[in-house]
């Protein structure tokens, strides 16, 4: 496991905790990954996972665990994962200094 240089806001942690509770599986962790983004920078994916790979970066906050695979990790270093609800909807947001 890698020590992560990626931050996870308390709002994001609270939302993940709420979603995990709804699922009823206490071992769930939020997995964040990068997919090809074309000319607008990176695109991000979010899914739940019960297992931690040996080369995953593990970020813990407020009792919640976020995982980043080793291929996505270099693209997410320095990023902050947040959660936002507004009139346009609710979503996890990634502020990434590596994106163009």
PDB file of N, CA and C in Angstrom:
ATOM      1  N   UNK A   1       0.837  -1.186   0.000  1.00  0.00           N
ATOM      2  CA  UNK A   1       0.000   0.000   0.000  1.00  0.00           C
ATOM      3  C   UNK A   1       0.880   1.245   0.000  1.00  0.00           C
ATOM      4  N   UNK A   2       0.465   2.230  -0.748  1.00  0.00           N
ATOM      5  CA  UNK A   2       1.189   3.494  -0.834  1.00  0.00           C
ATOM      6  C   UNK A   2       0.623   4.492   0.160  1.00  0.00           C
ATOM      7  N   UNK A   3       1.471   5.362   0.688  1.00  0.00           N
ATOM      8  CA  UNK A   3       0.984   6.513   1.444  1.00  0.00           C
ATOM      9  C   UNK A   3       0.559   7.546   0.411  1.00  0.00           C
ATOM     10  N   UNK A   4      -0.662   8.000   0.517  1.00  0.00           N
ATOM     11  CA  UNK A   4      -1.214   8.850  -0.536  1.00  0.00           C
ATOM     12  C   UNK A   4      -0.946  10.324  -0.311  1.00  0.00           C
ATOM     13  N   UNK A   5      -0.710  11.025  -1.403  1.00  0.00           N
ATOM     14  CA  UNK A   5      -0.582  12.481  -1.414  1.00  0.00           C
ATOM     15  C   UNK A   5      -1.830  13.059  -2.076  1.00  0.00           C
ATOM     16  N   UNK A   6      -2.971  12.502  -1.701  1.00  0.00           N
ATOM     17  CA  UNK A   6      -4.268  12.896  -2.243  1.00  0.00           C
ATOM     18  C   UNK A   6      -5.165  13.175  -1.052  1.00  0.00           C
ATOM     19  N   UNK A   7      -5.893  14.299  -1.081  1.00  0.00           N
ATOM     20  CA  UNK A   7      -6.744  14.602   0.071  1.00  0.00           C
ATOM     21  C   UNK A   7      -8.201  14.290  -0.238  1.00  0.00           C
ATOM     22  N   UNK A   8      -8.938  14.076   0.829  1.00  0.00           N
ATOM     23  CA  UNK A   8     -10.312  13.590   0.789  1.00  0.00           C
ATOM     24  C   UNK A   8     -11.067  14.460   1.779  1.00  0.00           C
ATOM     25  N   UNK A   9     -11.953  15.328   1.312  1.00  0.00           N
ATOM     26  CA  UNK A   9     -12.616  16.293   2.199  1.00  0.00           C
ATOM     27  C   UNK A   9     -13.566  15.616   3.182  1.00  0.00           C
ATOM     28  N   UNK A  10     -13.870  16.317   4.257  1.00  0.00           N
ATOM     29  CA  UNK A  10     -14.816  15.782   5.240  1.00  0.00           C
ATOM     30  C   UNK A  10     -16.205  15.629   4.620  1.00  0.00           C
ATOM     31  N   UNK A  11     -16.591  16.505   3.683  1.00  0.00           N
ATOM     32  CA  UNK A  11     -17.892  16.364   2.994  1.00  0.00           C
ATOM     33  C   UNK A  11     -17.924  15.083   2.171  1.00  0.00           C
ATOM     34  N   UNK A  12     -16.832  14.803   1.462  1.00  0.00           N
ATOM     35  CA  UNK A  12     -16.761  13.581   0.665  1.00  0.00           C
ATOM     36  C   UNK A  12     -16.804  12.358   1.573  1.00  0.00           C
ATOM     37  N   UNK A  13     -16.076  12.405   2.677  1.00  0.00           N
ATOM     38  CA  UNK A  13     -16.074  11.282   3.618  1.00  0.00           C
ATOM     39  C   UNK A  13     -17.465  11.046   4.192  1.00  0.00           C
ATOM     40  N   UNK A  14     -18.171  12.117   4.533  1.00  0.00           N
ATOM     41  CA  UNK A  14     -19.522  11.984   5.091  1.00  0.00           C
ATOM     42  C   UNK A  14     -20.469  11.359   4.069  1.00  0.00           C
ATOM     43  N   UNK A  15     -20.365  11.754   2.804  1.00  0.00           N
ATOM     44  CA  UNK A  15     -21.229  11.185   1.766  1.00  0.00           C
ATOM     45  C   UNK A  15     -20.909   9.720   1.548  1.00  0.00           C
ATOM     46  N   UNK A  16     -19.633   9.367   1.505  1.00  0.00           N
ATOM     47  CA  UNK A  16     -19.251   7.965   1.339  1.00  0.00           C
ATOM     48  C   UNK A  16     -19.776   7.144   2.513  1.00  0.00           C
ATOM     49  N   UNK A  17     -19.636   7.658   3.733  1.00  0.00           N
ATOM     50  CA  UNK A  17     -20.139   6.948   4.915  1.00  0.00           C
ATOM     51  C   UNK A  17     -21.639   6.707   4.792  1.00  0.00           C
ATOM     52  N   UNK A  18     -22.367   7.701   4.320  1.00  0.00           N
ATOM     53  CA  UNK A  18     -23.810   7.578   4.133  1.00  0.00           C
ATOM     54  C   UNK A  18     -24.144   6.513   3.083  1.00  0.00           C
ATOM     55  N   UNK A  19     -23.420   6.514   1.970  1.00  0.00           N
ATOM     56  CA  UNK A  19     -23.655   5.527   0.912  1.00  0.00           C
ATOM     57  C   UNK A  19     -23.310   4.115   1.373  1.00  0.00           C
ATOM     58  N   UNK A  20     -22.223   3.977   2.119  1.00  0.00           N
ATOM     59  CA  UNK A  20     -21.829   2.668   2.654  1.00  0.00           C
ATOM     60  C   UNK A  20     -22.906   2.155   3.598  1.00  0.00           C
ATOM     61  N   UNK A  21     -23.423   3.027   4.444  1.00  0.00           N
ATOM     62  CA  UNK A  21     -24.480   2.641   5.377  1.00  0.00           C
ATOM     63  C   UNK A  21     -25.730   2.192   4.616  1.00  0.00           C
ATOM     64  N   UNK A  22     -26.081   2.895   3.547  1.00  0.00           N
ATOM     65  CA  UNK A  22     -27.235   2.511   2.723  1.00  0.00           C
ATOM     66  C   UNK A  22     -27.044   1.129   2.116  1.00  0.00           C
ATOM     67  N   UNK A  23     -25.822   0.812   1.697  1.00  0.00           N
ATOM     68  CA  UNK A  23     -25.529  -0.493   1.102  1.00  0.00           C
ATOM     69  C   UNK A  23     -25.548  -1.609   2.142  1.00  0.00           C
ATOM     70  N   UNK A  24     -25.267  -1.268   3.390  1.00  0.00           N
ATOM     71  CA  UNK A  24     -25.277  -2.264   4.455  1.00  0.00           C
ATOM     72  C   UNK A  24     -24.067  -3.179   4.474  1.00  0.00           C
ATOM     73  N   UNK A  25     -22.992  -2.783   3.809  1.00  0.00           N
ATOM     74  CA  UNK A  25     -21.758  -3.585   3.779  1.00  0.00           C
ATOM     75  C   UNK A  25     -20.645  -2.712   4.340  1.00  0.00           C
ATOM     76  N   UNK A  26     -20.276  -2.943   5.574  1.00  0.00           N
ATOM     77  CA  UNK A  26     -19.354  -2.040   6.269  1.00  0.00           C
ATOM     78  C   UNK A  26     -17.935  -2.045   5.696  1.00  0.00           C
ATOM     79  N   UNK A  27     -17.558  -3.070   4.916  1.00  0.00           N
ATOM     80  CA  UNK A  27     -16.206  -3.163   4.356  1.00  0.00           C
ATOM     81  C   UNK A  27     -16.025  -2.371   3.065  1.00  0.00           C
ATOM     82  N   UNK A  28     -17.070  -1.715   2.580  1.00  0.00           N
ATOM     83  CA  UNK A  28     -16.951  -1.001   1.309  1.00  0.00           C
ATOM     84  C   UNK A  28     -16.006   0.188   1.416  1.00  0.00           C
ATOM     85  N   UNK A  29     -15.209   0.353   0.358  1.00  0.00           N
ATOM     86  CA  UNK A  29     -14.281   1.475   0.254  1.00  0.00           C
ATOM     87  C   UNK A  29     -14.559   2.166  -1.079  1.00  0.00           C
ATOM     88  N   UNK A  30     -14.359   3.475  -1.136  1.00  0.00           N
ATOM     89  CA  UNK A  30     -14.545   4.201  -2.387  1.00  0.00           C
ATOM     90  C   UNK A  30     -13.275   4.102  -3.213  1.00  0.00           C
ATOM     91  N   UNK A  31     -13.409   3.572  -4.427  1.00  0.00           N
ATOM     92  CA  UNK A  31     -12.268   3.489  -5.336  1.00  0.00           C
ATOM     93  C   UNK A  31     -12.394   4.615  -6.361  1.00  0.00           C
ATOM     94  N   UNK A  32     -11.320   5.396  -6.499  1.00  0.00           N
ATOM     95  CA  UNK A  32     -11.273   6.502  -7.450  1.00  0.00           C
ATOM     96  C   UNK A  32     -10.236   6.145  -8.508  1.00  0.00           C
ATOM     97  N   UNK A  33     -10.597   6.352  -9.778  1.00  0.00           N
ATOM     98  CA  UNK A  33      -9.652   6.025 -10.844  1.00  0.00           C
ATOM     99  C   UNK A  33      -9.748   7.045 -11.967  1.00  0.00           C
ATOM    100  N   UNK A  34      -8.692   7.094 -12.768  1.00  0.00           N
ATOM    101  CA  UNK A  34      -8.606   8.021 -13.893  1.00  0.00           C
ATOM    102  C   UNK A  34      -8.863   7.243 -15.175  1.00  0.00           C
ATOM    103  N   UNK A  35      -9.674   7.843 -16.047  1.00  0.00           N
ATOM    104  CA  UNK A  35      -9.880   7.284 -17.382  1.00  0.00           C
ATOM    105  C   UNK A  35      -9.459   8.348 -18.387  1.00  0.00           C
ATOM    106  N   UNK A  36      -9.226   7.952 -19.625  1.00  0.00           N
ATOM    107  CA  UNK A  36      -8.820   8.917 -20.645  1.00  0.00           C
ATOM    108  C   UNK A  36      -9.829  10.046 -20.766  1.00  0.00           C
ATOM    109  N   UNK A  37      -9.341  11.266 -20.794  1.00  0.00           N
ATOM    110  CA  UNK A  37     -10.246  12.406 -20.789  1.00  0.00           C
ATOM    111  C   UNK A  37     -10.269  13.208 -22.068  1.00  0.00           C
ATOM    112  N   UNK A  38      -9.440  12.865 -23.039  1.00  0.00           N
ATOM    113  CA  UNK A  38      -9.429  13.643 -24.274  1.00  0.00           C
ATOM    114  C   UNK A  38      -8.857  15.032 -24.061  1.00  0.00           C
ATOM    115  N   UNK A  39      -9.375  16.003 -24.811  1.00  0.00           N
ATOM    116  CA  UNK A  39      -8.789  17.347 -24.779  1.00  0.00           C
ATOM    117  C   UNK A  39      -9.182  18.151 -23.547  1.00  0.00           C
ATOM    118  N   UNK A  40     -10.122  17.677 -22.755  1.00  0.00           N
ATOM    119  CA  UNK A  40     -10.539  18.465 -21.586  1.00  0.00           C
ATOM    120  C   UNK A  40      -9.849  18.012 -20.300  1.00  0.00           C
ATOM    121  N   UNK A  41      -8.787  17.237 -20.414  1.00  0.00           N
ATOM    122  CA  UNK A  41      -8.095  16.780 -19.210  1.00  0.00           C
ATOM    123  C   UNK A  41      -8.494  15.358 -18.864  1.00  0.00           C
ATOM    124  N   UNK A  42      -8.500  15.044 -17.586  1.00  0.00           N
ATOM    125  CA  UNK A  42      -8.803  13.693 -17.135  1.00  0.00           C
ATOM    126  C   UNK A  42     -10.294  13.525 -16.868  1.00  0.00           C
ATOM    127  N   UNK A  43     -10.750  12.284 -16.965  1.00  0.00           N
ATOM    128  CA  UNK A  43     -12.075  11.908 -16.496  1.00  0.00           C
ATOM    129  C   UNK A  43     -11.863  10.965 -15.319  1.00  0.00           C
ATOM    130  N   UNK A  44     -12.793  10.980 -14.380  1.00  0.00           N
ATOM    131  CA  UNK A  44     -12.634  10.208 -13.153  1.00  0.00           C
ATOM    132  C   UNK A  44     -13.796   9.250 -12.985  1.00  0.00           C
ATOM    133  N   UNK A  45     -13.483   8.099 -12.429  1.00  0.00           N
ATOM    134  CA  UNK A  45     -14.509   7.116 -12.119  1.00  0.00           C
ATOM    135  C   UNK A  45     -14.521   6.856 -10.626  1.00  0.00           C
ATOM    136  N   UNK A  46     -15.694   6.507 -10.123  1.00  0.00           N
ATOM    137  CA  UNK A  46     -15.875   6.202  -8.708  1.00  0.00           C
ATOM    138  C   UNK A  46     -16.682   4.916  -8.610  1.00  0.00           C
ATOM    139  N   UNK A  47     -16.223   4.000  -7.785  1.00  0.00           N
ATOM    140  CA  UNK A  47     -16.954   2.765  -7.564  1.00  0.00           C
ATOM    141  C   UNK A  47     -16.670   2.295  -6.142  1.00  0.00           C
ATOM    142  N   UNK A  48     -17.466   1.348  -5.666  1.00  0.00           N
ATOM    143  CA  UNK A  48     -17.193   0.771  -4.354  1.00  0.00           C
ATOM    144  C   UNK A  48     -16.458  -0.542  -4.525  1.00  0.00           C
ATOM    145  N   UNK A  49     -15.574  -0.838  -3.588  1.00  0.00           N
ATOM    146  CA  UNK A  49     -14.773  -2.054  -3.620  1.00  0.00           C
ATOM    147  C   UNK A  49     -14.629  -2.565  -2.193  1.00  0.00           C
ATOM    148  N   UNK A  50     -14.650  -3.882  -2.042  1.00  0.00           N
ATOM    149  CA  UNK A  50     -14.467  -4.470  -0.712  1.00  0.00           C
ATOM    150  C   UNK A  50     -13.019  -4.852  -0.449  1.00  0.00           C
ATOM    151  N   UNK A  51     -12.213  -4.967  -1.511  1.00  0.00           N
ATOM    152  CA  UNK A  51     -10.839  -5.435  -1.314  1.00  0.00           C
ATOM    153  C   UNK A  51      -9.822  -4.345  -1.639  1.00  0.00           C
ATOM    154  N   UNK A  52      -8.666  -4.464  -1.010  1.00  0.00           N
ATOM    155  CA  UNK A  52      -7.558  -3.538  -1.214  1.00  0.00           C
ATOM    156  C   UNK A  52      -6.435  -4.306  -1.900  1.00  0.00           C
ATOM    157  N   UNK A  53      -5.998  -3.827  -3.061  1.00  0.00           N
ATOM    158  CA  UNK A  53      -4.878  -4.451  -3.759  1.00  0.00           C
ATOM    159  C   UNK A  53      -3.573  -4.035  -3.084  1.00  0.00           C
ATOM    160  N   UNK A  54      -2.557  -4.851  -3.256  1.00  0.00           N
ATOM    161  CA  UNK A  54      -1.259  -4.596  -2.622  1.00  0.00           C
ATOM    162  C   UNK A  54      -0.670  -3.247  -3.025  1.00  0.00           C
ATOM    163  N   UNK A  55      -0.923  -2.830  -4.278  1.00  0.00           N
ATOM    164  CA  UNK A  55      -0.337  -1.577  -4.759  1.00  0.00           C
ATOM    165  C   UNK A  55      -1.317  -0.399  -4.738  1.00  0.00           C
ATOM    166  N   UNK A  56      -2.445  -0.539  -4.042  1.00  0.00           N
ATOM    167  CA  UNK A  56      -3.390   0.573  -3.898  1.00  0.00           C
ATOM    168  C   UNK A  56      -2.858   1.631  -2.937  1.00  0.00           C
ATOM    169  N   UNK A  57      -3.139   2.888  -3.244  1.00  0.00           N
ATOM    170  CA  UNK A  57      -2.951   3.960  -2.263  1.00  0.00           C
ATOM    171  C   UNK A  57      -4.216   3.970  -1.416  1.00  0.00           C
ATOM    172  N   UNK A  58      -4.045   4.121  -0.116  1.00  0.00           N
ATOM    173  CA  UNK A  58      -5.173   4.093   0.814  1.00  0.00           C
ATOM    174  C   UNK A  58      -5.231   5.424   1.542  1.00  0.00           C
ATOM    175  N   UNK A  59      -6.378   6.095   1.440  1.00  0.00           N
ATOM    176  CA  UNK A  59      -6.582   7.377   2.111  1.00  0.00           C
ATOM    177  C   UNK A  59      -7.735   7.183   3.083  1.00  0.00           C
ATOM    178  N   UNK A  60      -7.512   7.502   4.346  1.00  0.00           N
ATOM    179  CA  UNK A  60      -8.563   7.349   5.348  1.00  0.00           C
ATOM    180  C   UNK A  60      -8.918   8.702   5.929  1.00  0.00           C
ATOM    181  N   UNK A  61     -10.222   8.906   6.122  1.00  0.00           N
ATOM    182  CA  UNK A  61     -10.708  10.161   6.700  1.00  0.00           C
ATOM    183  C   UNK A  61     -12.039   9.888   7.379  1.00  0.00           C
ATOM    184  N   UNK A  62     -12.152  10.275   8.620  1.00  0.00           N
ATOM    185  CA  UNK A  62     -13.410  10.183   9.360  1.00  0.00           C
ATOM    186  C   UNK A  62     -14.032   8.789   9.282  1.00  0.00           C
ATOM    187  N   UNK A  63     -13.202   7.755   9.360  1.00  0.00           N
ATOM    188  CA  UNK A  63     -13.703   6.381   9.366  1.00  0.00           C
ATOM    189  C   UNK A  63     -14.039   5.815   7.996  1.00  0.00           C
ATOM    190  N   UNK A  64     -13.711   6.544   6.935  1.00  0.00           N
ATOM    191  CA  UNK A  64     -14.004   6.115   5.569  1.00  0.00           C
ATOM    192  C   UNK A  64     -12.682   5.903   4.835  1.00  0.00           C
ATOM    193  N   UNK A  65     -12.654   4.905   3.946  1.00  0.00           N
ATOM    194  CA  UNK A  65     -11.439   4.601   3.194  1.00  0.00           C
ATOM    195  C   UNK A  65     -11.656   4.838   1.706  1.00  0.00           C
ATOM    196  N   UNK A  66     -10.699   5.518   1.087  1.00  0.00           N
ATOM    197  CA  UNK A  66     -10.688   5.724  -0.357  1.00  0.00           C
ATOM    198  C   UNK A  66      -9.458   5.011  -0.912  1.00  0.00           C
ATOM    199  N   UNK A  67      -9.622   4.362  -2.055  1.00  0.00           N
ATOM    200  CA  UNK A  67      -8.540   3.621  -2.699  1.00  0.00           C
ATOM    201  C   UNK A  67      -8.225   4.228  -4.062  1.00  0.00           C
ATOM    202  N   UNK A  68      -6.948   4.221  -4.420  1.00  0.00           N
ATOM    203  CA  UNK A  68      -6.520   4.660  -5.751  1.00  0.00           C
ATOM    204  C   UNK A  68      -5.532   3.622  -6.268  1.00  0.00           C
ATOM    205  N   UNK A  69      -5.803   3.070  -7.454  1.00  0.00           N
ATOM    206  CA  UNK A  69      -4.909   2.055  -8.013  1.00  0.00           C
ATOM    207  C   UNK A  69      -3.587   2.683  -8.457  1.00  0.00           C
ATOM    208  N   UNK A  70      -2.583   1.840  -8.621  1.00  0.00           N
ATOM    209  CA  UNK A  70      -1.233   2.337  -8.908  1.00  0.00           C
ATOM    210  C   UNK A  70      -1.115   3.011 -10.275  1.00  0.00           C
ATOM    211  N   UNK A  71      -1.962   2.666 -11.233  1.00  0.00           N
ATOM    212  CA  UNK A  71      -1.912   3.325 -12.544  1.00  0.00           C
ATOM    213  C   UNK A  71      -2.517   4.722 -12.489  1.00  0.00           C
ATOM    214  N   UNK A  72      -3.569   4.903 -11.696  1.00  0.00           N
ATOM    215  CA  UNK A  72      -4.224   6.213 -11.578  1.00  0.00           C
ATOM    216  C   UNK A  72      -3.480   7.143 -10.632  1.00  0.00           C
ATOM    217  N   UNK A  73      -2.775   6.569  -9.664  1.00  0.00           N
ATOM    218  CA  UNK A  73      -2.154   7.358  -8.600  1.00  0.00           C
ATOM    219  C   UNK A  73      -1.297   8.527  -9.101  1.00  0.00           C
ATOM    220  N   UNK A  74      -0.367   8.317 -10.052  1.00  0.00           N
ATOM    221  CA  UNK A  74       0.483   9.442 -10.472  1.00  0.00           C
ATOM    222  C   UNK A  74      -0.318  10.619 -11.045  1.00  0.00           C
ATOM    223  N   UNK A  75      -1.461  10.321 -11.634  1.00  0.00           N
ATOM    224  CA  UNK A  75      -2.294  11.375 -12.224  1.00  0.00           C
ATOM    225  C   UNK A  75      -3.127  12.112 -11.177  1.00  0.00           C
ATOM    226  N   UNK A  76      -3.253  11.524  -9.989  1.00  0.00           N
ATOM    227  CA  UNK A  76      -4.071  12.112  -8.930  1.00  0.00           C
ATOM    228  C   UNK A  76      -3.254  12.745  -7.806  1.00  0.00           C
ATOM    229  N   UNK A  77      -1.929  12.600  -7.831  1.00  0.00           N
ATOM    230  CA  UNK A  77      -1.095  13.187  -6.779  1.00  0.00           C
ATOM    231  C   UNK A  77      -1.359  14.692  -6.699  1.00  0.00           C
ATOM    232  N   UNK A  78      -1.600  15.177  -5.494  1.00  0.00           N
ATOM    233  CA  UNK A  78      -1.872  16.588  -5.278  1.00  0.00           C
ATOM    234  C   UNK A  78      -3.339  16.961  -5.403  1.00  0.00           C
ATOM    235  N   UNK A  79      -4.180  15.991  -5.747  1.00  0.00           N
ATOM    236  CA  UNK A  79      -5.604  16.263  -5.955  1.00  0.00           C
ATOM    237  C   UNK A  79      -6.379  16.283  -4.649  1.00  0.00           C
ATOM    238  N   UNK A  80      -7.545  16.937  -4.699  1.00  0.00           N
ATOM    239  CA  UNK A  80      -8.495  16.884  -3.589  1.00  0.00           C
ATOM    240  C   UNK A  80      -9.813  16.334  -4.110  1.00  0.00           C
ATOM    241  N   UNK A  81     -10.343  15.351  -3.395  1.00  0.00           N
ATOM    242  CA  UNK A  81     -11.650  14.781  -3.703  1.00  0.00           C
ATOM    243  C   UNK A  81     -12.645  15.438  -2.759  1.00  0.00           C
ATOM    244  N   UNK A  82     -13.686  16.026  -3.319  1.00  0.00           N
ATOM    245  CA  UNK A  82     -14.705  16.714  -2.524  1.00  0.00           C
ATOM    246  C   UNK A  82     -16.077  16.234  -2.983  1.00  0.00           C
ATOM    247  N   UNK A  83     -17.113  16.645  -2.256  1.00  0.00           N
ATOM    248  CA  UNK A  83     -18.489  16.315  -2.621  1.00  0.00           C
ATOM    249  C   UNK A  83     -19.297  17.592  -2.583  1.00  0.00           C
ATOM    250  N   UNK A  84     -20.125  17.789  -3.609  1.00  0.00           N
ATOM    251  CA  UNK A  84     -20.875  19.038  -3.722  1.00  0.00           C
ATOM    252  C   UNK A  84     -22.326  18.742  -4.076  1.00  0.00           C
ATOM    253  N   UNK A  85     -23.233  19.423  -3.396  1.00  0.00           N
ATOM    254  CA  UNK A  85     -24.650  19.379  -3.741  1.00  0.00           C
ATOM    255  C   UNK A  85     -25.097  20.801  -4.011  1.00  0.00           C
ATOM    256  N   UNK A  86     -25.727  21.010  -5.176  1.00  0.00           N
ATOM    257  CA  UNK A  86     -26.271  22.328  -5.489  1.00  0.00           C
ATOM    258  C   UNK A  86     -27.474  22.150  -6.410  1.00  0.00           C
ATOM    259  N   UNK A  87     -27.950  23.219  -6.986  1.00  0.00           N
ATOM    260  CA  UNK A  87     -29.133  23.162  -7.842  1.00  0.00           C
ATOM    261  C   UNK A  87     -28.926  22.296  -9.083  1.00  0.00           C
ATOM    262  N   UNK A  88     -27.681  22.126  -9.480  1.00  0.00           N
ATOM    263  CA  UNK A  88     -27.374  21.308 -10.654  1.00  0.00           C
ATOM    264  C   UNK A  88     -27.243  19.830 -10.316  1.00  0.00           C
ATOM    265  N   UNK A  89     -27.327  19.479  -9.047  1.00  0.00           N
ATOM    266  CA  UNK A  89     -27.236  18.085  -8.650  1.00  0.00           C
ATOM    267  C   UNK A  89     -26.150  17.856  -7.623  1.00  0.00           C
ATOM    268  N   UNK A  90     -25.874  16.587  -7.386  1.00  0.00           N
ATOM    269  CA  UNK A  90     -24.874  16.194  -6.399  1.00  0.00           C
ATOM    270  C   UNK A  90     -23.798  15.373  -7.103  1.00  0.00           C
ATOM    271  N   UNK A  91     -22.535  15.621  -6.719  1.00  0.00           N
ATOM    272  CA  UNK A  91     -21.449  14.883  -7.356  1.00  0.00           C
ATOM    273  C   UNK A  91     -20.163  14.968  -6.550  1.00  0.00           C
ATOM    274  N   UNK A  92     -19.325  13.952  -6.753  1.00  0.00           N
ATOM    275  CA  UNK A  92     -17.966  14.017  -6.244  1.00  0.00           C
ATOM    276  C   UNK A  92     -17.167  14.858  -7.236  1.00  0.00           C
ATOM    277  N   UNK A  93     -16.301  15.708  -6.716  1.00  0.00           N
ATOM    278  CA  UNK A  93     -15.479  16.583  -7.544  1.00  0.00           C
ATOM    279  C   UNK A  93     -14.011  16.307  -7.282  1.00  0.00           C
ATOM    280  N   UNK A  94     -13.220  16.333  -8.333  1.00  0.00           N
ATOM    281  CA  UNK A  94     -11.775  16.168  -8.208  1.00  0.00           C
ATOM    282  C   UNK A  94     -11.118  17.468  -8.654  1.00  0.00           C
ATOM    283  N   UNK A  95     -10.398  18.111  -7.741  1.00  0.00           N
ATOM    284  CA  UNK A  95      -9.589  19.273  -8.087  1.00  0.00           C
ATOM    285  C   UNK A  95      -8.170  18.756  -8.268  1.00  0.00           C
ATOM    286  N   UNK A  96      -7.719  18.753  -9.520  1.00  0.00           N
ATOM    287  CA  UNK A  96      -6.464  18.099  -9.859  1.00  0.00           C
ATOM    288  C   UNK A  96      -5.492  19.094 -10.499  1.00  0.00           C
ATOM    289  N   UNK A  97      -4.364  19.368  -9.837  1.00  0.00           N
ATOM    290  CA  UNK A  97      -3.378  20.294 -10.400  1.00  0.00           C
ATOM    291  C   UNK A  97      -2.658  19.719 -11.623  1.00  0.00           C
ATOM    292  N   UNK A  98      -2.798  18.408 -11.861  1.00  0.00           N
ATOM    293  CA  UNK A  98      -2.131  17.771 -12.997  1.00  0.00           C
ATOM    294  C   UNK A  98      -2.950  17.837 -14.277  1.00  0.00           C
ATOM    295  N   UNK A  99      -4.233  18.195 -14.170  1.00  0.00           N
ATOM    296  CA  UNK A  99      -5.104  18.243 -15.351  1.00  0.00           C
ATOM    297  C   UNK A  99      -4.884  19.552 -16.102  1.00  0.00           C
ATOM    298  N   UNK A 100      -5.023  19.471 -17.403  1.00  0.00           N
ATOM    299  CA  UNK A 100      -4.825  20.682 -18.210  1.00  0.00           C
ATOM    300  C   UNK A 100      -6.100  21.495 -18.315  1.00  0.00           C
TER     301      UNK A 100
END
